Amino acid sequence: MTYKLDFKEVSTIGLESSPVAEAFAGLRANEARYFWNKYKHEFITTPAAEAPEILK
């Protein structure tokens, strides 16, 4: 499931199985904010299984 990260509303979507999901969600939101400030582009996540061509 591909989804856009919103740095204003921190979400743990995709991190539910992690014992430190809230901390990871904060780090991910920080990366999304940085990406927006530097490139003015939305930060979008994609599971590795759905986009193997990116991992080559």
PDB file of N, CA and C in Angstrom:
ATOM      1  N   MET A   1       0.840  -1.165   0.000  1.00  0.00           N
ATOM      2  CA  MET A   1       0.000   0.000   0.000  1.00  0.00           C
ATOM      3  C   MET A   1       0.898   1.245   0.000  1.00  0.00           C
ATOM      4  N   THR A   2       0.795   2.028  -1.011  1.00  0.00           N
ATOM      5  CA  THR A   2       1.540   3.267  -1.114  1.00  0.00           C
ATOM      6  C   THR A   2       0.736   4.376  -0.457  1.00  0.00           C
ATOM      7  N   TYR A   3       1.414   5.216   0.301  1.00  0.00           N
ATOM      8  CA  TYR A   3       0.704   6.330   0.909  1.00  0.00           C
ATOM      9  C   TYR A   3       1.642   7.515   1.115  1.00  0.00           C
ATOM     10  N   LYS A   4       1.019   8.694   1.172  1.00  0.00           N
ATOM     11  CA  LYS A   4       1.745   9.941   1.360  1.00  0.00           C
ATOM     12  C   LYS A   4       1.897  10.205   2.845  1.00  0.00           C
ATOM     13  N   LEU A   5       3.089  10.591   3.254  1.00  0.00           N
ATOM     14  CA  LEU A   5       3.325  10.930   4.653  1.00  0.00           C
ATOM     15  C   LEU A   5       3.015  12.398   4.887  1.00  0.00           C
ATOM     16  N   ASP A   6       2.303  12.654   5.961  1.00  0.00           N
ATOM     17  CA  ASP A   6       1.960  14.015   6.335  1.00  0.00           C
ATOM     18  C   ASP A   6       2.771  14.370   7.567  1.00  0.00           C
ATOM     19  N   PHE A   7       3.640  15.365   7.460  1.00  0.00           N
ATOM     20  CA  PHE A   7       4.484  15.710   8.596  1.00  0.00           C
ATOM     21  C   PHE A   7       3.747  16.536   9.644  1.00  0.00           C
ATOM     22  N   LYS A   8       2.557  17.015   9.321  1.00  0.00           N
ATOM     23  CA  LYS A   8       1.763  17.768  10.298  1.00  0.00           C
ATOM     24  C   LYS A   8       0.948  16.831  11.189  1.00  0.00           C
ATOM     25  N   GLU A   9       0.482  15.724  10.635  1.00  0.00           N
ATOM     26  CA  GLU A   9      -0.278  14.721  11.379  1.00  0.00           C
ATOM     27  C   GLU A   9       0.531  13.421  11.391  1.00  0.00           C
ATOM     28  N   VAL A  10       1.304  13.202  12.425  1.00  0.00           N
ATOM     29  CA  VAL A  10       2.173  12.027  12.519  1.00  0.00           C
ATOM     30  C   VAL A  10       1.317  10.778  12.671  1.00  0.00           C
ATOM     31  N   SER A  11       1.599   9.761  11.850  1.00  0.00           N
ATOM     32  CA  SER A  11       0.823   8.534  11.848  1.00  0.00           C
ATOM     33  C   SER A  11       1.741   7.317  11.930  1.00  0.00           C
ATOM     34  N   THR A  12       1.260   6.264  12.577  1.00  0.00           N
ATOM     35  CA  THR A  12       2.034   5.025  12.683  1.00  0.00           C
ATOM     36  C   THR A  12       1.601   3.996  11.647  1.00  0.00           C
ATOM     37  N   ILE A  13       0.939   4.430  10.587  1.00  0.00           N
ATOM     38  CA  ILE A  13       0.510   3.507   9.530  1.00  0.00           C
ATOM     39  C   ILE A  13       1.730   2.787   8.971  1.00  0.00           C
ATOM     40  N   GLY A  14       1.654   1.472   8.903  1.00  0.00           N
ATOM     41  CA  GLY A  14       2.746   0.668   8.386  1.00  0.00           C
ATOM     42  C   GLY A  14       3.786   0.295   9.422  1.00  0.00           C
ATOM     43  N   LEU A  15       3.677   0.831  10.610  1.00  0.00           N
ATOM     44  CA  LEU A  15       4.660   0.560  11.666  1.00  0.00           C
ATOM     45  C   LEU A  15       4.052  -0.156  12.866  1.00  0.00           C
ATOM     46  N   GLU A  16       2.834  -0.641  12.733  1.00  0.00           N
ATOM     47  CA  GLU A  16       2.103  -1.205  13.850  1.00  0.00           C
ATOM     48  C   GLU A  16       2.818  -2.353  14.551  1.00  0.00           C
ATOM     49  N   SER A  17       3.592  -3.131  13.830  1.00  0.00           N
ATOM     50  CA  SER A  17       4.242  -4.300  14.422  1.00  0.00           C
ATOM     51  C   SER A  17       5.510  -3.944  15.199  1.00  0.00           C
ATOM     52  N   SER A  18       5.962  -2.711  15.100  1.00  0.00           N
ATOM     53  CA  SER A  18       7.185  -2.301  15.780  1.00  0.00           C
ATOM     54  C   SER A  18       6.907  -1.881  17.217  1.00  0.00           C
ATOM     55  N   PRO A  19       7.760  -2.288  18.151  1.00  0.00           N
ATOM     56  CA  PRO A  19       7.568  -1.862  19.535  1.00  0.00           C
ATOM     57  C   PRO A  19       7.873  -0.374  19.747  1.00  0.00           C
ATOM     58  N   VAL A  20       8.539   0.244  18.815  1.00  0.00           N
ATOM     59  CA  VAL A  20       8.870   1.672  18.902  1.00  0.00           C
ATOM     60  C   VAL A  20       8.226   2.439  17.744  1.00  0.00           C
ATOM     61  N   ALA A  21       6.990   2.075  17.408  1.00  0.00           N
ATOM     62  CA  ALA A  21       6.285   2.655  16.267  1.00  0.00           C
ATOM     63  C   ALA A  21       6.152   4.172  16.373  1.00  0.00           C
ATOM     64  N   GLU A  22       5.878   4.679  17.564  1.00  0.00           N
ATOM     65  CA  GLU A  22       5.696   6.125  17.720  1.00  0.00           C
ATOM     66  C   GLU A  22       6.987   6.876  17.439  1.00  0.00           C
ATOM     67  N   ALA A  23       8.118   6.333  17.879  1.00  0.00           N
ATOM     68  CA  ALA A  23       9.404   6.987  17.617  1.00  0.00           C
ATOM     69  C   ALA A  23       9.729   6.956  16.122  1.00  0.00           C
ATOM     70  N   PHE A  24       9.505   5.812  15.483  1.00  0.00           N
ATOM     71  CA  PHE A  24       9.736   5.718  14.043  1.00  0.00           C
ATOM     72  C   PHE A  24       8.822   6.656  13.267  1.00  0.00           C
ATOM     73  N   ALA A  25       7.579   6.778  13.706  1.00  0.00           N
ATOM     74  CA  ALA A  25       6.633   7.670  13.033  1.00  0.00           C
ATOM     75  C   ALA A  25       7.123   9.106  13.120  1.00  0.00           C
ATOM     76  N   GLY A  26       7.675   9.495  14.250  1.00  0.00           N
ATOM     77  CA  GLY A  26       8.225  10.842  14.398  1.00  0.00           C
ATOM     78  C   GLY A  26       9.407  11.078  13.484  1.00  0.00           C
ATOM     79  N   LEU A  27      10.291  10.095  13.392  1.00  0.00           N
ATOM     80  CA  LEU A  27      11.443  10.216  12.492  1.00  0.00           C
ATOM     81  C   LEU A  27      11.003  10.312  11.037  1.00  0.00           C
ATOM     82  N   ARG A  28      10.020   9.509  10.682  1.00  0.00           N
ATOM     83  CA  ARG A  28       9.499   9.510   9.317  1.00  0.00           C
ATOM     84  C   ARG A  28       8.850  10.855   8.990  1.00  0.00           C
ATOM     85  N   ALA A  29       8.118  11.413   9.941  1.00  0.00           N
ATOM     86  CA  ALA A  29       7.491  12.719   9.734  1.00  0.00           C
ATOM     87  C   ALA A  29       8.550  13.803   9.584  1.00  0.00           C
ATOM     88  N   ASN A  30       9.628  13.685  10.332  1.00  0.00           N
ATOM     89  CA  ASN A  30      10.718  14.649  10.212  1.00  0.00           C
ATOM     90  C   ASN A  30      11.349  14.573   8.820  1.00  0.00           C
ATOM     91  N   GLU A  31      11.532  13.372   8.311  1.00  0.00           N
ATOM     92  CA  GLU A  31      12.065  13.207   6.950  1.00  0.00           C
ATOM     93  C   GLU A  31      11.111  13.797   5.912  1.00  0.00           C
ATOM     94  N   ALA A  32       9.818  13.602   6.111  1.00  0.00           N
ATOM     95  CA  ALA A  32       8.829  14.151   5.185  1.00  0.00           C
ATOM     96  C   ALA A  32       8.873  15.674   5.198  1.00  0.00           C
ATOM     97  N   ARG A  33       9.035  16.262   6.378  1.00  0.00           N
ATOM     98  CA  ARG A  33       9.128  17.722   6.492  1.00  0.00           C
ATOM     99  C   ARG A  33      10.380  18.234   5.786  1.00  0.00           C
ATOM    100  N   TYR A  34      11.511  17.568   6.014  1.00  0.00           N
ATOM    101  CA  TYR A  34      12.756  17.947   5.356  1.00  0.00           C
ATOM    102  C   TYR A  34      12.606  17.864   3.840  1.00  0.00           C
ATOM    103  N   PHE A  35      12.041  16.782   3.354  1.00  0.00           N
ATOM    104  CA  PHE A  35      11.854  16.567   1.925  1.00  0.00           C
ATOM    105  C   PHE A  35      10.979  17.671   1.334  1.00  0.00           C
ATOM    106  N   TRP A  36       9.917  18.053   2.059  1.00  0.00           N
ATOM    107  CA  TRP A  36       9.029  19.113   1.584  1.00  0.00           C
ATOM    108  C   TRP A  36       9.765  20.463   1.561  1.00  0.00           C
ATOM    109  N   ASN A  37      10.490  20.782   2.623  1.00  0.00           N
ATOM    110  CA  ASN A  37      11.185  22.064   2.693  1.00  0.00           C
ATOM    111  C   ASN A  37      12.282  22.182   1.646  1.00  0.00           C
ATOM    112  N   LYS A  38      12.971  21.096   1.358  1.00  0.00           N
ATOM    113  CA  LYS A  38      14.084  21.146   0.407  1.00  0.00           C
ATOM    114  C   LYS A  38      13.624  21.041  -1.040  1.00  0.00           C
ATOM    115  N   TYR A  39      12.694  20.121  -1.336  1.00  0.00           N
ATOM    116  CA  TYR A  39      12.313  19.839  -2.718  1.00  0.00           C
ATOM    117  C   TYR A  39      10.894  20.257  -3.096  1.00  0.00           C
ATOM    118  N   LYS A  40      10.093  20.666  -2.105  1.00  0.00           N
ATOM    119  CA  LYS A  40       8.681  21.021  -2.346  1.00  0.00           C
ATOM    120  C   LYS A  40       7.944  19.882  -3.043  1.00  0.00           C
ATOM    121  N   HIS A  41       8.178  18.681  -2.548  1.00  0.00           N
ATOM    122  CA  HIS A  41       7.564  17.476  -3.101  1.00  0.00           C
ATOM    123  C   HIS A  41       7.104  16.612  -1.940  1.00  0.00           C
ATOM    124  N   GLU A  42       5.953  15.958  -2.097  1.00  0.00           N
ATOM    125  CA  GLU A  42       5.418  15.114  -1.031  1.00  0.00           C
ATOM    126  C   GLU A  42       6.234  13.836  -0.882  1.00  0.00           C
ATOM    127  N   PHE A  43       6.395  13.401   0.341  1.00  0.00           N
ATOM    128  CA  PHE A  43       7.139  12.194   0.665  1.00  0.00           C
ATOM    129  C   PHE A  43       6.185  11.013   0.608  1.00  0.00           C
ATOM    130  N   ILE A  44       6.429  10.077  -0.279  1.00  0.00           N
ATOM    131  CA  ILE A  44       5.544   8.932  -0.479  1.00  0.00           C
ATOM    132  C   ILE A  44       6.313   7.652  -0.194  1.00  0.00           C
ATOM    133  N   THR A  45       5.694   6.776   0.601  1.00  0.00           N
ATOM    134  CA  THR A  45       6.321   5.489   0.909  1.00  0.00           C
ATOM    135  C   THR A  45       5.670   4.379   0.098  1.00  0.00           C
ATOM    136  N   THR A  46       6.476   3.392  -0.251  1.00  0.00           N
ATOM    137  CA  THR A  46       6.012   2.222  -0.985  1.00  0.00           C
ATOM    138  C   THR A  46       6.672   0.993  -0.374  1.00  0.00           C
ATOM    139  N   PRO A  47       5.912  -0.051  -0.070  1.00  0.00           N
ATOM    140  CA  PRO A  47       6.532  -1.276   0.438  1.00  0.00           C
ATOM    141  C   PRO A  47       7.490  -1.881  -0.597  1.00  0.00           C
ATOM    142  N   ALA A  48       8.560  -2.454  -0.126  1.00  0.00           N
ATOM    143  CA  ALA A  48       9.574  -3.019  -1.023  1.00  0.00           C
ATOM    144  C   ALA A  48       9.001  -4.103  -1.927  1.00  0.00           C
ATOM    145  N   ALA A  49       8.059  -4.871  -1.416  1.00  0.00           N
ATOM    146  CA  ALA A  49       7.476  -5.944  -2.215  1.00  0.00           C
ATOM    147  C   ALA A  49       6.667  -5.410  -3.400  1.00  0.00           C
ATOM    148  N   GLU A  50       6.173  -4.185  -3.304  1.00  0.00           N
ATOM    149  CA  GLU A  50       5.382  -3.616  -4.380  1.00  0.00           C
ATOM    150  C   GLU A  50       6.228  -2.891  -5.432  1.00  0.00           C
ATOM    151  N   ALA A  51       7.478  -2.605  -5.125  1.00  0.00           N
ATOM    152  CA  ALA A  51       8.329  -1.864  -6.064  1.00  0.00           C
ATOM    153  C   ALA A  51       9.740  -2.453  -6.109  1.00  0.00           C
ATOM    154  N   PRO A  52       9.879  -3.705  -6.547  1.00  0.00           N
ATOM    155  CA  PRO A  52      11.218  -4.315  -6.539  1.00  0.00           C
ATOM    156  C   PRO A  52      12.189  -3.640  -7.504  1.00  0.00           C
ATOM    157  N   GLU A  53      11.705  -2.931  -8.525  1.00  0.00           N
ATOM    158  CA  GLU A  53      12.604  -2.281  -9.480  1.00  0.00           C
ATOM    159  C   GLU A  53      13.397  -1.155  -8.808  1.00  0.00           C
ATOM    160  N   ILE A  54      12.881  -0.600  -7.736  1.00  0.00           N
ATOM    161  CA  ILE A  54      13.582   0.473  -7.019  1.00  0.00           C
ATOM    162  C   ILE A  54      14.775  -0.082  -6.258  1.00  0.00           C
ATOM    163  N   LEU A  55      14.699  -1.340  -5.838  1.00  0.00           N
ATOM    164  CA  LEU A  55      15.736  -1.949  -5.015  1.00  0.00           C
ATOM    165  C   LEU A  55      16.888  -2.553  -5.816  1.00  0.00           C
ATOM    166  N   LYS A  56      16.828  -2.479  -7.116  1.00  0.00           N
ATOM    167  CA  LYS A  56      17.894  -3.078  -7.933  1.00  0.00           C
ATOM    168  C   LYS A  56      19.197  -2.369  -7.761  1.00  0.00           C
TER     169      LYS A  56
END
